[in-house]
Amino acid sequence: MLKKVAFTMYPVEDTARARNFYEGKLGLKVGSKASNGVWTEYDLPGGGCFALFRGDQVKPSASAGGSIAFEVEDLDALVSRLKTDGVKILQDNIVSPVCRMAVVQDTEGNSLLLHQLNPK
């Protein structure tokens, strides 16, 4: 029986470059990591875990199926800063009845969502 989502993992080709993006651009803090750079985990403040994995069998992709959505405090400010930093924005200001989102691409070619709930 399934208990919970243990983590979400994204493949990377260049661990240092990917870590610079997730730590430097998005502000994630490393939870644990392999000394050889194959595995890096980020324990998320609201719970859950996001991981980066470097391996020959899996390749980054912006269209491979599932994606991760990070909840953010101020979507507009973050997207503006990421644009200034040269981050590729795939879709901006996606509006739903409950939230607004943007889709960005990491340095490895994976897409991720930035998500802000509408005020209640």
PDB file of N, CA and C in Angstrom:
ATOM      1  N   MET A   1       0.835  -1.176   0.000  1.00  0.00           N
ATOM      2  CA  MET A   1       0.000   0.000   0.000  1.00  0.00           C
ATOM      3  C   MET A   1       0.889   1.252   0.000  1.00  0.00           C
ATOM      4  N   LEU A   2       0.498   2.242  -0.769  1.00  0.00           N
ATOM      5  CA  LEU A   2       1.249   3.494  -0.823  1.00  0.00           C
ATOM      6  C   LEU A   2       1.007   4.298   0.447  1.00  0.00           C
ATOM      7  N   LYS A   3       2.065   4.901   0.955  1.00  0.00           N
ATOM      8  CA  LYS A   3       1.958   5.702   2.172  1.00  0.00           C
ATOM      9  C   LYS A   3       1.976   7.197   1.892  1.00  0.00           C
ATOM     10  N   LYS A   4       2.864   7.631   1.022  1.00  0.00           N
ATOM     11  CA  LYS A   4       2.987   9.058   0.702  1.00  0.00           C
ATOM     12  C   LYS A   4       3.948   9.216  -0.465  1.00  0.00           C
ATOM     13  N   VAL A   5       4.035  10.412  -0.996  1.00  0.00           N
ATOM     14  CA  VAL A   5       5.062  10.716  -1.987  1.00  0.00           C
ATOM     15  C   VAL A   5       6.353  10.937  -1.201  1.00  0.00           C
ATOM     16  N   ALA A   6       7.350  10.114  -1.440  1.00  0.00           N
ATOM     17  CA  ALA A   6       8.599  10.193  -0.692  1.00  0.00           C
ATOM     18  C   ALA A   6       9.447  11.379  -1.157  1.00  0.00           C
ATOM     19  N   PHE A   7       9.553  11.565  -2.467  1.00  0.00           N
ATOM     20  CA  PHE A   7      10.301  12.685  -3.018  1.00  0.00           C
ATOM     21  C   PHE A   7       9.968  12.814  -4.486  1.00  0.00           C
ATOM     22  N   THR A   8      10.299  13.945  -5.047  1.00  0.00           N
ATOM     23  CA  THR A   8      10.243  14.170  -6.480  1.00  0.00           C
ATOM     24  C   THR A   8      11.679  14.317  -6.951  1.00  0.00           C
ATOM     25  N   MET A   9      12.053  13.627  -8.017  1.00  0.00           N
ATOM     26  CA  MET A   9      13.422  13.640  -8.496  1.00  0.00           C
ATOM     27  C   MET A   9      13.489  14.167  -9.927  1.00  0.00           C
ATOM     28  N   TYR A  10      14.490  14.983 -10.184  1.00  0.00           N
ATOM     29  CA  TYR A  10      14.762  15.444 -11.534  1.00  0.00           C
ATOM     30  C   TYR A  10      16.147  14.990 -11.951  1.00  0.00           C
ATOM     31  N   PRO A  11      16.284  14.501 -13.192  1.00  0.00           N
ATOM     32  CA  PRO A  11      17.607  14.150 -13.691  1.00  0.00           C
ATOM     33  C   PRO A  11      18.386  15.407 -14.080  1.00  0.00           C
ATOM     34  N   VAL A  12      19.696  15.339 -13.901  1.00  0.00           N
ATOM     35  CA  VAL A  12      20.565  16.450 -14.282  1.00  0.00           C
ATOM     36  C   VAL A  12      21.772  15.908 -15.037  1.00  0.00           C
ATOM     37  N   GLU A  13      22.355  16.740 -15.848  1.00  0.00           N
ATOM     38  CA  GLU A  13      23.594  16.371 -16.548  1.00  0.00           C
ATOM     39  C   GLU A  13      24.814  16.980 -15.876  1.00  0.00           C
ATOM     40  N   ASP A  14      24.656  18.148 -15.287  1.00  0.00           N
ATOM     41  CA  ASP A  14      25.757  18.850 -14.633  1.00  0.00           C
ATOM     42  C   ASP A  14      25.297  19.213 -13.218  1.00  0.00           C
ATOM     43  N   THR A  15      25.769  18.463 -12.234  1.00  0.00           N
ATOM     44  CA  THR A  15      25.316  18.647 -10.856  1.00  0.00           C
ATOM     45  C   THR A  15      25.618  20.047 -10.332  1.00  0.00           C
ATOM     46  N   ALA A  16      26.816  20.543 -10.555  1.00  0.00           N
ATOM     47  CA  ALA A  16      27.186  21.872 -10.053  1.00  0.00           C
ATOM     48  C   ALA A  16      26.303  22.954 -10.664  1.00  0.00           C
ATOM     49  N   ARG A  17      26.073  22.876 -11.944  1.00  0.00           N
ATOM     50  CA  ARG A  17      25.220  23.862 -12.629  1.00  0.00           C
ATOM     51  C   ARG A  17      23.794  23.789 -12.097  1.00  0.00           C
ATOM     52  N   ALA A  18      23.269  22.573 -11.939  1.00  0.00           N
ATOM     53  CA  ALA A  18      21.902  22.398 -11.434  1.00  0.00           C
ATOM     54  C   ALA A  18      21.784  22.891  -9.997  1.00  0.00           C
ATOM     55  N   ARG A  19      22.767  22.567  -9.170  1.00  0.00           N
ATOM     56  CA  ARG A  19      22.725  23.027  -7.776  1.00  0.00           C
ATOM     57  C   ARG A  19      22.785  24.548  -7.723  1.00  0.00           C
ATOM     58  N   ASN A  20      23.565  25.171  -8.576  1.00  0.00           N
ATOM     59  CA  ASN A  20      23.617  26.628  -8.610  1.00  0.00           C
ATOM     60  C   ASN A  20      22.237  27.205  -8.925  1.00  0.00           C
ATOM     61  N   PHE A  21      21.509  26.565  -9.845  1.00  0.00           N
ATOM     62  CA  PHE A  21      20.164  27.036 -10.183  1.00  0.00           C
ATOM     63  C   PHE A  21      19.218  26.887  -8.985  1.00  0.00           C
ATOM     64  N   TYR A  22      19.118  25.687  -8.434  1.00  0.00           N
ATOM     65  CA  TYR A  22      18.141  25.434  -7.375  1.00  0.00           C
ATOM     66  C   TYR A  22      18.501  26.117  -6.057  1.00  0.00           C
ATOM     67  N   GLU A  23      19.777  26.233  -5.751  1.00  0.00           N
ATOM     68  CA  GLU A  23      20.192  26.899  -4.525  1.00  0.00           C
ATOM     69  C   GLU A  23      20.343  28.405  -4.743  1.00  0.00           C
ATOM     70  N   GLY A  24      20.998  28.794  -5.817  1.00  0.00           N
ATOM     71  CA  GLY A  24      21.260  30.199  -6.071  1.00  0.00           C
ATOM     72  C   GLY A  24      20.071  30.983  -6.578  1.00  0.00           C
ATOM     73  N   LYS A  25      19.312  30.404  -7.500  1.00  0.00           N
ATOM     74  CA  LYS A  25      18.176  31.124  -8.102  1.00  0.00           C
ATOM     75  C   LYS A  25      16.882  30.944  -7.308  1.00  0.00           C
ATOM     76  N   LEU A  26      16.652  29.716  -6.784  1.00  0.00           N
ATOM     77  CA  LEU A  26      15.396  29.455  -6.078  1.00  0.00           C
ATOM     78  C   LEU A  26      15.548  29.423  -4.557  1.00  0.00           C
ATOM     79  N   GLY A  27      16.772  29.430  -4.060  1.00  0.00           N
ATOM     80  CA  GLY A  27      16.998  29.525  -2.629  1.00  0.00           C
ATOM     81  C   GLY A  27      16.792  28.244  -1.831  1.00  0.00           C
ATOM     82  N   LEU A  28      16.799  27.082  -2.496  1.00  0.00           N
ATOM     83  CA  LEU A  28      16.647  25.831  -1.756  1.00  0.00           C
ATOM     84  C   LEU A  28      17.907  25.538  -0.940  1.00  0.00           C
ATOM     85  N   LYS A  29      17.731  24.868   0.200  1.00  0.00           N
ATOM     86  CA  LYS A  29      18.836  24.495   1.085  1.00  0.00           C
ATOM     87  C   LYS A  29      19.055  22.995   1.002  1.00  0.00           C
ATOM     88  N   VAL A  30      20.314  22.575   0.849  1.00  0.00           N
ATOM     89  CA  VAL A  30      20.654  21.152   0.736  1.00  0.00           C
ATOM     90  C   VAL A  30      20.309  20.428   2.026  1.00  0.00           C
ATOM     91  N   GLY A  31      19.626  19.270   1.881  1.00  0.00           N
ATOM     92  CA  GLY A  31      19.345  18.406   3.022  1.00  0.00           C
ATOM     93  C   GLY A  31      20.447  17.376   3.180  1.00  0.00           C
ATOM     94  N   SER A  32      20.637  16.567   2.153  1.00  0.00           N
ATOM     95  CA  SER A  32      21.738  15.606   2.131  1.00  0.00           C
ATOM     96  C   SER A  32      22.213  15.471   0.697  1.00  0.00           C
ATOM     97  N   LYS A  33      23.428  14.941   0.548  1.00  0.00           N
ATOM     98  CA  LYS A  33      23.990  14.822  -0.794  1.00  0.00           C
ATOM     99  C   LYS A  33      25.043  13.730  -0.807  1.00  0.00           C
ATOM    100  N   ALA A  34      25.237  13.160  -1.978  1.00  0.00           N
ATOM    101  CA  ALA A  34      26.295  12.178  -2.176  1.00  0.00           C
ATOM    102  C   ALA A  34      27.593  12.928  -2.458  1.00  0.00           C
ATOM    103  N   SER A  35      28.703  12.444  -1.922  1.00  0.00           N
ATOM    104  CA  SER A  35      29.976  13.126  -2.111  1.00  0.00           C
ATOM    105  C   SER A  35      30.425  13.146  -3.575  1.00  0.00           C
ATOM    106  N   ASN A  36      29.932  12.201  -4.377  1.00  0.00           N
ATOM    107  CA  ASN A  36      30.316  12.150  -5.791  1.00  0.00           C
ATOM    108  C   ASN A  36      29.394  12.983  -6.690  1.00  0.00           C
ATOM    109  N   GLY A  37      28.427  13.692  -6.121  1.00  0.00           N
ATOM    110  CA  GLY A  37      27.553  14.569  -6.891  1.00  0.00           C
ATOM    111  C   GLY A  37      26.416  13.888  -7.615  1.00  0.00           C
ATOM    112  N   VAL A  38      26.229  12.588  -7.404  1.00  0.00           N
ATOM    113  CA  VAL A  38      25.169  11.856  -8.099  1.00  0.00           C
ATOM    114  C   VAL A  38      23.794  12.197  -7.525  1.00  0.00           C
ATOM    115  N   TRP A  39      23.699  12.492  -6.244  1.00  0.00           N
ATOM    116  CA  TRP A  39      22.408  12.680  -5.585  1.00  0.00           C
ATOM    117  C   TRP A  39      22.460  13.898  -4.680  1.00  0.00           C
ATOM    118  N   THR A  40      21.476  14.784  -4.798  1.00  0.00           N
ATOM    119  CA  THR A  40      21.344  15.937  -3.908  1.00  0.00           C
ATOM    120  C   THR A  40      19.886  16.040  -3.500  1.00  0.00           C
ATOM    121  N   GLU A  41      19.630  16.162  -2.199  1.00  0.00           N
ATOM    122  CA  GLU A  41      18.264  16.298  -1.699  1.00  0.00           C
ATOM    123  C   GLU A  41      18.048  17.678  -1.084  1.00  0.00           C
ATOM    124  N   TYR A  42      16.835  18.182  -1.268  1.00  0.00           N
ATOM    125  CA  TYR A  42      16.401  19.432  -0.656  1.00  0.00           C
ATOM    126  C   TYR A  42      15.139  19.134   0.141  1.00  0.00           C
ATOM    127  N   ASP A  43      15.210  19.273   1.471  1.00  0.00           N
ATOM    128  CA  ASP A  43      14.021  19.132   2.305  1.00  0.00           C
ATOM    129  C   ASP A  43      13.272  20.449   2.235  1.00  0.00           C
ATOM    130  N   LEU A  44      12.033  20.399   1.790  1.00  0.00           N
ATOM    131  CA  LEU A  44      11.261  21.615   1.560  1.00  0.00           C
ATOM    132  C   LEU A  44      10.634  22.118   2.854  1.00  0.00           C
ATOM    133  N   PRO A  45      10.544  23.440   3.032  1.00  0.00           N
ATOM    134  CA  PRO A  45      10.082  24.010   4.291  1.00  0.00           C
ATOM    135  C   PRO A  45       8.687  23.528   4.720  1.00  0.00           C
ATOM    136  N   GLY A  46       7.785  23.319   3.784  1.00  0.00           N
ATOM    137  CA  GLY A  46       6.430  22.891   4.117  1.00  0.00           C
ATOM    138  C   GLY A  46       6.263  21.381   4.114  1.00  0.00           C
ATOM    139  N   GLY A  47       7.357  20.656   4.004  1.00  0.00           N
ATOM    140  CA  GLY A  47       7.312  19.199   3.941  1.00  0.00           C
ATOM    141  C   GLY A  47       7.643  18.721   2.544  1.00  0.00           C
ATOM    142  N   GLY A  48       8.007  17.483   2.442  1.00  0.00           N
ATOM    143  CA  GLY A  48       8.369  16.906   1.164  1.00  0.00           C
ATOM    144  C   GLY A  48       9.841  17.056   0.869  1.00  0.00           C
ATOM    145  N   CYS A  49      10.260  16.423  -0.197  1.00  0.00           N
ATOM    146  CA  CYS A  49      11.665  16.412  -0.568  1.00  0.00           C
ATOM    147  C   CYS A  49      11.769  16.469  -2.089  1.00  0.00           C
ATOM    148  N   PHE A  50      12.698  17.276  -2.554  1.00  0.00           N
ATOM    149  CA  PHE A  50      13.017  17.389  -3.973  1.00  0.00           C
ATOM    150  C   PHE A  50      14.462  16.944  -4.139  1.00  0.00           C
ATOM    151  N   ALA A  51      14.736  16.121  -5.149  1.00  0.00           N
ATOM    152  CA  ALA A  51      16.073  15.577  -5.333  1.00  0.00           C
ATOM    153  C   ALA A  51      16.554  15.743  -6.763  1.00  0.00           C
ATOM    154  N   LEU A  52      17.861  15.864  -6.909  1.00  0.00           N
ATOM    155  CA  LEU A  52      18.524  15.891  -8.209  1.00  0.00           C
ATOM    156  C   LEU A  52      19.338  14.616  -8.339  1.00  0.00           C
ATOM    157  N   PHE A  53      19.320  14.014  -9.529  1.00  0.00           N
ATOM    158  CA  PHE A  53      20.040  12.765  -9.758  1.00  0.00           C
ATOM    159  C   PHE A  53      20.792  12.836 -11.074  1.00  0.00           C
ATOM    160  N   ARG A  54      22.083  12.503 -11.039  1.00  0.00           N
ATOM    161  CA  ARG A  54      22.884  12.450 -12.263  1.00  0.00           C
ATOM    162  C   ARG A  54      23.190  10.986 -12.566  1.00  0.00           C
ATOM    163  N   GLY A  55      22.731  10.534 -13.734  1.00  0.00           N
ATOM    164  CA  GLY A  55      22.979   9.156 -14.135  1.00  0.00           C
ATOM    165  C   GLY A  55      22.894   9.017 -15.641  1.00  0.00           C
ATOM    166  N   ASP A  56      23.489   7.972 -16.163  1.00  0.00           N
ATOM    167  CA  ASP A  56      23.525   7.780 -17.612  1.00  0.00           C
ATOM    168  C   ASP A  56      22.182   7.357 -18.200  1.00  0.00           C
ATOM    169  N   GLN A  57      21.318   6.738 -17.411  1.00  0.00           N
ATOM    170  CA  GLN A  57      20.078   6.180 -17.942  1.00  0.00           C
ATOM    171  C   GLN A  57      18.918   7.180 -18.007  1.00  0.00           C
ATOM    172  N   VAL A  58      19.000   8.289 -17.282  1.00  0.00           N
ATOM    173  CA  VAL A  58      17.904   9.256 -17.289  1.00  0.00           C
ATOM    174  C   VAL A  58      18.424  10.608 -17.751  1.00  0.00           C
ATOM    175  N   LYS A  59      17.654  11.255 -18.606  1.00  0.00           N
ATOM    176  CA  LYS A  59      18.042  12.543 -19.171  1.00  0.00           C
ATOM    177  C   LYS A  59      16.984  13.593 -18.849  1.00  0.00           C
ATOM    178  N   PRO A  60      17.408  14.829 -18.623  1.00  0.00           N
ATOM    179  CA  PRO A  60      16.452  15.909 -18.382  1.00  0.00           C
ATOM    180  C   PRO A  60      15.532  16.122 -19.579  1.00  0.00           C
ATOM    181  N   SER A  61      14.310  16.582 -19.303  1.00  0.00           N
ATOM    182  CA  SER A  61      13.358  16.860 -20.369  1.00  0.00           C
ATOM    183  C   SER A  61      12.277  17.798 -19.861  1.00  0.00           C
ATOM    184  N   ALA A  62      11.895  18.743 -20.691  1.00  0.00           N
ATOM    185  CA  ALA A  62      10.794  19.645 -20.346  1.00  0.00           C
ATOM    186  C   ALA A  62       9.448  19.059 -20.741  1.00  0.00           C
ATOM    187  N   SER A  63       9.450  17.908 -21.412  1.00  0.00           N
ATOM    188  CA  SER A  63       8.183  17.349 -21.899  1.00  0.00           C
ATOM    189  C   SER A  63       8.050  15.856 -21.596  1.00  0.00           C
ATOM    190  N   ALA A  64       8.682  15.397 -20.526  1.00  0.00           N
ATOM    191  CA  ALA A  64       8.698  13.965 -20.231  1.00  0.00           C
ATOM    192  C   ALA A  64       7.553  13.509 -19.342  1.00  0.00           C
ATOM    193  N   GLY A  65       6.611  14.371 -19.046  1.00  0.00           N
ATOM    194  CA  GLY A  65       5.504  13.933 -18.200  1.00  0.00           C
ATOM    195  C   GLY A  65       5.372  14.807 -16.982  1.00  0.00           C
ATOM    196  N   GLY A  66       5.499  14.207 -15.801  1.00  0.00           N
ATOM    197  CA  GLY A  66       5.280  14.909 -14.544  1.00  0.00           C
ATOM    198  C   GLY A  66       6.227  16.080 -14.336  1.00  0.00           C
ATOM    199  N   SER A  67       5.815  16.951 -13.464  1.00  0.00           N
ATOM    200  CA  SER A  67       6.609  18.123 -13.125  1.00  0.00           C
ATOM    201  C   SER A  67       6.415  18.412 -11.648  1.00  0.00           C
ATOM    202  N   ILE A  68       7.281  19.206 -11.073  1.00  0.00           N
ATOM    203  CA  ILE A  68       7.124  19.631  -9.689  1.00  0.00           C
ATOM    204  C   ILE A  68       6.596  21.054  -9.689  1.00  0.00           C
ATOM    205  N   ALA A  69       5.764  21.367  -8.710  1.00  0.00           N
ATOM    206  CA  ALA A  69       5.258  22.724  -8.534  1.00  0.00           C
ATOM    207  C   ALA A  69       5.711  23.221  -7.166  1.00  0.00           C
ATOM    208  N   PHE A  70       6.483  24.296  -7.149  1.00  0.00           N
ATOM    209  CA  PHE A  70       6.939  24.900  -5.904  1.00  0.00           C
ATOM    210  C   PHE A  70       6.001  26.038  -5.538  1.00  0.00           C
ATOM    211  N   GLU A  71       5.458  26.009  -4.320  1.00  0.00           N
ATOM    212  CA  GLU A  71       4.640  27.110  -3.804  1.00  0.00           C
ATOM    213  C   GLU A  71       5.565  28.281  -3.491  1.00  0.00           C
ATOM    214  N   VAL A  72       5.194  29.480  -3.929  1.00  0.00           N
ATOM    215  CA  VAL A  72       6.018  30.666  -3.701  1.00  0.00           C
ATOM    216  C   VAL A  72       5.191  31.760  -3.032  1.00  0.00           C
ATOM    217  N   GLU A  73       5.875  32.674  -2.359  1.00  0.00           N
ATOM    218  CA  GLU A  73       5.211  33.788  -1.675  1.00  0.00           C
ATOM    219  C   GLU A  73       4.734  34.852  -2.658  1.00  0.00           C
ATOM    220  N   ASP A  74       5.619  35.242  -3.587  1.00  0.00           N
ATOM    221  CA  ASP A  74       5.329  36.344  -4.506  1.00  0.00           C
ATOM    222  C   ASP A  74       5.758  35.938  -5.915  1.00  0.00           C
ATOM    223  N   LEU A  75       4.812  35.404  -6.676  1.00  0.00           N
ATOM    224  CA  LEU A  75       5.098  34.890  -8.016  1.00  0.00           C
ATOM    225  C   LEU A  75       5.658  35.981  -8.927  1.00  0.00           C
ATOM    226  N   ASP A  76       5.047  37.152  -8.913  1.00  0.00           N
ATOM    227  CA  ASP A  76       5.477  38.227  -9.803  1.00  0.00           C
ATOM    228  C   ASP A  76       6.921  38.639  -9.525  1.00  0.00           C
ATOM    229  N   ALA A  77       7.270  38.792  -8.262  1.00  0.00           N
ATOM    230  CA  ALA A  77       8.635  39.207  -7.904  1.00  0.00           C
ATOM    231  C   ALA A  77       9.649  38.136  -8.296  1.00  0.00           C
ATOM    232  N   LEU A  78       9.321  36.873  -8.040  1.00  0.00           N
ATOM    233  CA  LEU A  78      10.252  35.799  -8.369  1.00  0.00           C
ATOM    234  C   LEU A  78      10.448  35.678  -9.877  1.00  0.00           C
ATOM    235  N   VAL A  79       9.358  35.694 -10.635  1.00  0.00           N
ATOM    236  CA  VAL A  79       9.472  35.589 -12.099  1.00  0.00           C
ATOM    237  C   VAL A  79      10.262  36.768 -12.650  1.00  0.00           C
ATOM    238  N   SER A  80      10.034  37.959 -12.120  1.00  0.00           N
ATOM    239  CA  SER A  80      10.776  39.132 -12.563  1.00  0.00           C
ATOM    240  C   SER A  80      12.273  38.958 -12.304  1.00  0.00           C
ATOM    241  N   ARG A  81      12.627  38.468 -11.113  1.00  0.00           N
ATOM    242  CA  ARG A  81      14.044  38.253 -10.781  1.00  0.00           C
ATOM    243  C   ARG A  81      14.655  37.173 -11.666  1.00  0.00           C
ATOM    244  N   LEU A  82      13.904  36.086 -11.899  1.00  0.00           N
ATOM    245  CA  LEU A  82      14.418  35.007 -12.743  1.00  0.00           C
ATOM    246  C   LEU A  82      14.640  35.481 -14.178  1.00  0.00           C
ATOM    247  N   LYS A  83      13.731  36.306 -14.691  1.00  0.00           N
ATOM    248  CA  LYS A  83      13.920  36.871 -16.033  1.00  0.00           C
ATOM    249  C   LYS A  83      15.198  37.709 -16.085  1.00  0.00           C
ATOM    250  N   THR A  84      15.402  38.541 -15.063  1.00  0.00           N
ATOM    251  CA  THR A  84      16.612  39.356 -14.984  1.00  0.00           C
ATOM    252  C   THR A  84      17.857  38.488 -14.942  1.00  0.00           C
ATOM    253  N   ASP A  85      17.751  37.323 -14.267  1.00  0.00           N
ATOM    254  CA  ASP A  85      18.879  36.397 -14.153  1.00  0.00           C
ATOM    255  C   ASP A  85      19.064  35.524 -15.396  1.00  0.00           C
ATOM    256  N   GLY A  86      18.205  35.703 -16.409  1.00  0.00           N
ATOM    257  CA  GLY A  86      18.347  34.955 -17.650  1.00  0.00           C
ATOM    258  C   GLY A  86      17.732  33.565 -17.645  1.00  0.00           C
ATOM    259  N   VAL A  87      16.882  33.276 -16.666  1.00  0.00           N
ATOM    260  CA  VAL A  87      16.211  31.976 -16.609  1.00  0.00           C
ATOM    261  C   VAL A  87      15.141  31.929 -17.692  1.00  0.00           C
ATOM    262  N   LYS A  88      15.051  30.806 -18.386  1.00  0.00           N
ATOM    263  CA  LYS A  88      14.075  30.650 -19.466  1.00  0.00           C
ATOM    264  C   LYS A  88      12.675  30.461 -18.872  1.00  0.00           C
ATOM    265  N   ILE A  89      11.773  31.365 -19.224  1.00  0.00           N
ATOM    266  CA  ILE A  89      10.375  31.303 -18.783  1.00  0.00           C
ATOM    267  C   ILE A  89       9.580  30.689 -19.935  1.00  0.00           C
ATOM    268  N   LEU A  90       9.003  29.504 -19.709  1.00  0.00           N
ATOM    269  CA  LEU A  90       8.259  28.817 -20.770  1.00  0.00           C
ATOM    270  C   LEU A  90       6.827  29.336 -20.874  1.00  0.00           C
ATOM    271  N   GLN A  91       6.217  29.623 -19.727  1.00  0.00           N
ATOM    272  CA  GLN A  91       4.873  30.213 -19.703  1.00  0.00           C
ATOM    273  C   GLN A  91       4.787  31.121 -18.495  1.00  0.00           C
ATOM    274  N   ASP A  92       4.177  32.268 -18.676  1.00  0.00           N
ATOM    275  CA  ASP A  92       4.077  33.242 -17.603  1.00  0.00           C
ATOM    276  C   ASP A  92       2.611  33.549 -17.319  1.00  0.00           C
ATOM    277  N   ASN A  93       2.296  33.750 -16.077  1.00  0.00           N
ATOM    278  CA  ASN A  93       0.967  34.178 -15.633  1.00  0.00           C
ATOM    279  C   ASN A  93      -0.158  33.257 -16.102  1.00  0.00           C
ATOM    280  N   ILE A  94      -0.065  32.002 -15.770  1.00  0.00           N
ATOM    281  CA  ILE A  94      -1.139  31.036 -16.003  1.00  0.00           C
ATOM    282  C   ILE A  94      -2.132  31.216 -14.861  1.00  0.00           C
ATOM    283  N   VAL A  95      -3.380  31.478 -15.193  1.00  0.00           N
ATOM    284  CA  VAL A  95      -4.380  31.782 -14.172  1.00  0.00           C
ATOM    285  C   VAL A  95      -5.385  30.640 -14.079  1.00  0.00           C
ATOM    286  N   SER A  96      -5.665  30.205 -12.848  1.00  0.00           N
ATOM    287  CA  SER A  96      -6.708  29.212 -12.604  1.00  0.00           C
ATOM    288  C   SER A  96      -7.647  29.782 -11.544  1.00  0.00           C
ATOM    289  N   PRO A  97      -8.742  29.112 -11.263  1.00  0.00           N
ATOM    290  CA  PRO A  97      -9.649  29.618 -10.223  1.00  0.00           C
ATOM    291  C   PRO A  97      -9.018  29.676  -8.827  1.00  0.00           C
ATOM    292  N   VAL A  98      -7.963  28.910  -8.578  1.00  0.00           N
ATOM    293  CA  VAL A  98      -7.384  28.859  -7.232  1.00  0.00           C
ATOM    294  C   VAL A  98      -5.964  29.419  -7.138  1.00  0.00           C
ATOM    295  N   CYS A  99      -5.304  29.642  -8.290  1.00  0.00           N
ATOM    296  CA  CYS A  99      -3.910  30.054  -8.214  1.00  0.00           C
ATOM    297  C   CYS A  99      -3.455  30.728  -9.503  1.00  0.00           C
ATOM    298  N   ARG A 100      -2.208  31.219  -9.438  1.00  0.00           N
ATOM    299  CA  ARG A 100      -1.500  31.686 -10.623  1.00  0.00           C
ATOM    300  C   ARG A 100      -0.187  30.914 -10.678  1.00  0.00           C
ATOM    301  N   MET A 101       0.292  30.640 -11.890  1.00  0.00           N
ATOM    302  CA  MET A 101       1.502  29.846 -12.046  1.00  0.00           C
ATOM    303  C   MET A 101       2.361  30.393 -13.175  1.00  0.00           C
ATOM    304  N   ALA A 102       3.615  29.987 -13.149  1.00  0.00           N
ATOM    305  CA  ALA A 102       4.546  30.217 -14.257  1.00  0.00           C
ATOM    306  C   ALA A 102       5.325  28.925 -14.429  1.00  0.00           C
ATOM    307  N   VAL A 103       5.697  28.639 -15.665  1.00  0.00           N
ATOM    308  CA  VAL A 103       6.516  27.464 -15.955  1.00  0.00           C
ATOM    309  C   VAL A 103       7.880  27.971 -16.387  1.00  0.00           C
ATOM    310  N   VAL A 104       8.914  27.498 -15.700  1.00  0.00           N
ATOM    311  CA  VAL A 104      10.280  27.891 -16.028  1.00  0.00           C
ATOM    312  C   VAL A 104      11.085  26.640 -16.353  1.00  0.00           C
ATOM    313  N   GLN A 105      12.229  26.852 -16.965  1.00  0.00           N
ATOM    314  CA  GLN A 105      13.097  25.729 -17.310  1.00  0.00           C
ATOM    315  C   GLN A 105      14.390  25.853 -16.521  1.00  0.00           C
ATOM    316  N   ASP A 106      14.799  24.752 -15.891  1.00  0.00           N
ATOM    317  CA  ASP A 106      16.059  24.782 -15.158  1.00  0.00           C
ATOM    318  C   ASP A 106      17.236  24.699 -16.119  1.00  0.00           C
ATOM    319  N   THR A 107      18.428  24.754 -15.601  1.00  0.00           N
ATOM    320  CA  THR A 107      19.625  24.756 -16.433  1.00  0.00           C
ATOM    321  C   THR A 107      19.861  23.441 -17.149  1.00  0.00           C
ATOM    322  N   GLU A 108      19.155  22.384 -16.731  1.00  0.00           N
ATOM    323  CA  GLU A 108      19.343  21.063 -17.316  1.00  0.00           C
ATOM    324  C   GLU A 108      18.317  20.753 -18.399  1.00  0.00           C
ATOM    325  N   GLY A 109      17.262  21.576 -18.503  1.00  0.00           N
ATOM    326  CA  GLY A 109      16.226  21.353 -19.508  1.00  0.00           C
ATOM    327  C   GLY A 109      14.919  20.837 -18.942  1.00  0.00           C
ATOM    328  N   ASN A 110      14.819  20.676 -17.620  1.00  0.00           N
ATOM    329  CA  ASN A 110      13.570  20.245 -16.982  1.00  0.00           C
ATOM    330  C   ASN A 110      12.658  21.447 -16.783  1.00  0.00           C
ATOM    331  N   SER A 111      11.352  21.235 -16.902  1.00  0.00           N
ATOM    332  CA  SER A 111      10.423  22.316 -16.603  1.00  0.00           C
ATOM    333  C   SER A 111       9.917  22.152 -15.175  1.00  0.00           C
ATOM    334  N   LEU A 112       9.623  23.276 -14.533  1.00  0.00           N
ATOM    335  CA  LEU A 112       9.036  23.255 -13.201  1.00  0.00           C
ATOM    336  C   LEU A 112       8.047  24.404 -13.099  1.00  0.00           C
ATOM    337  N   LEU A 113       7.081  24.222 -12.213  1.00  0.00           N
ATOM    338  CA  LEU A 113       6.066  25.236 -12.016  1.00  0.00           C
ATOM    339  C   LEU A 113       6.349  26.028 -10.756  1.00  0.00           C
ATOM    340  N   LEU A 114       6.096  27.318 -10.836  1.00  0.00           N
ATOM    341  CA  LEU A 114       6.091  28.196  -9.665  1.00  0.00           C
ATOM    342  C   LEU A 114       4.636  28.536  -9.438  1.00  0.00           C
ATOM    343  N   HIS A 115       4.154  28.372  -8.228  1.00  0.00           N
ATOM    344  CA  HIS A 115       2.724  28.366  -7.931  1.00  0.00           C
ATOM    345  C   HIS A 115       2.428  29.293  -6.761  1.00  0.00           C
ATOM    346  N   GLN A 116       1.431  30.193  -6.931  1.00  0.00           N
ATOM    347  CA  GLN A 116       0.991  31.053  -5.837  1.00  0.00           C
ATOM    348  C   GLN A 116      -0.514  30.972  -5.726  1.00  0.00           C
ATOM    349  N   LEU A 117      -1.003  30.580  -4.548  1.00  0.00           N
ATOM    350  CA  LEU A 117      -2.442  30.501  -4.312  1.00  0.00           C
ATOM    351  C   LEU A 117      -3.054  31.887  -4.338  1.00  0.00           C
ATOM    352  N   ASN A 118      -4.294  31.974  -4.820  1.00  0.00           N
ATOM    353  CA  ASN A 118      -5.025  33.230  -4.772  1.00  0.00           C
ATOM    354  C   ASN A 118      -5.371  33.549  -3.332  1.00  0.00           C
ATOM    355  N   PRO A 119      -5.443  34.843  -2.982  1.00  0.00           N
ATOM    356  CA  PRO A 119      -5.857  35.203  -1.621  1.00  0.00           C
ATOM    357  C   PRO A 119      -7.264  34.694  -1.349  1.00  0.00           C
ATOM    358  N   LYS A 120      -7.499  34.307  -0.114  1.00  0.00           N
ATOM    359  CA  LYS A 120      -8.842  33.799   0.254  1.00  0.00           C
ATOM    360  C   LYS A 120      -9.737  34.902   0.698  1.00  0.00           C
TER     361      LYS A 120
END
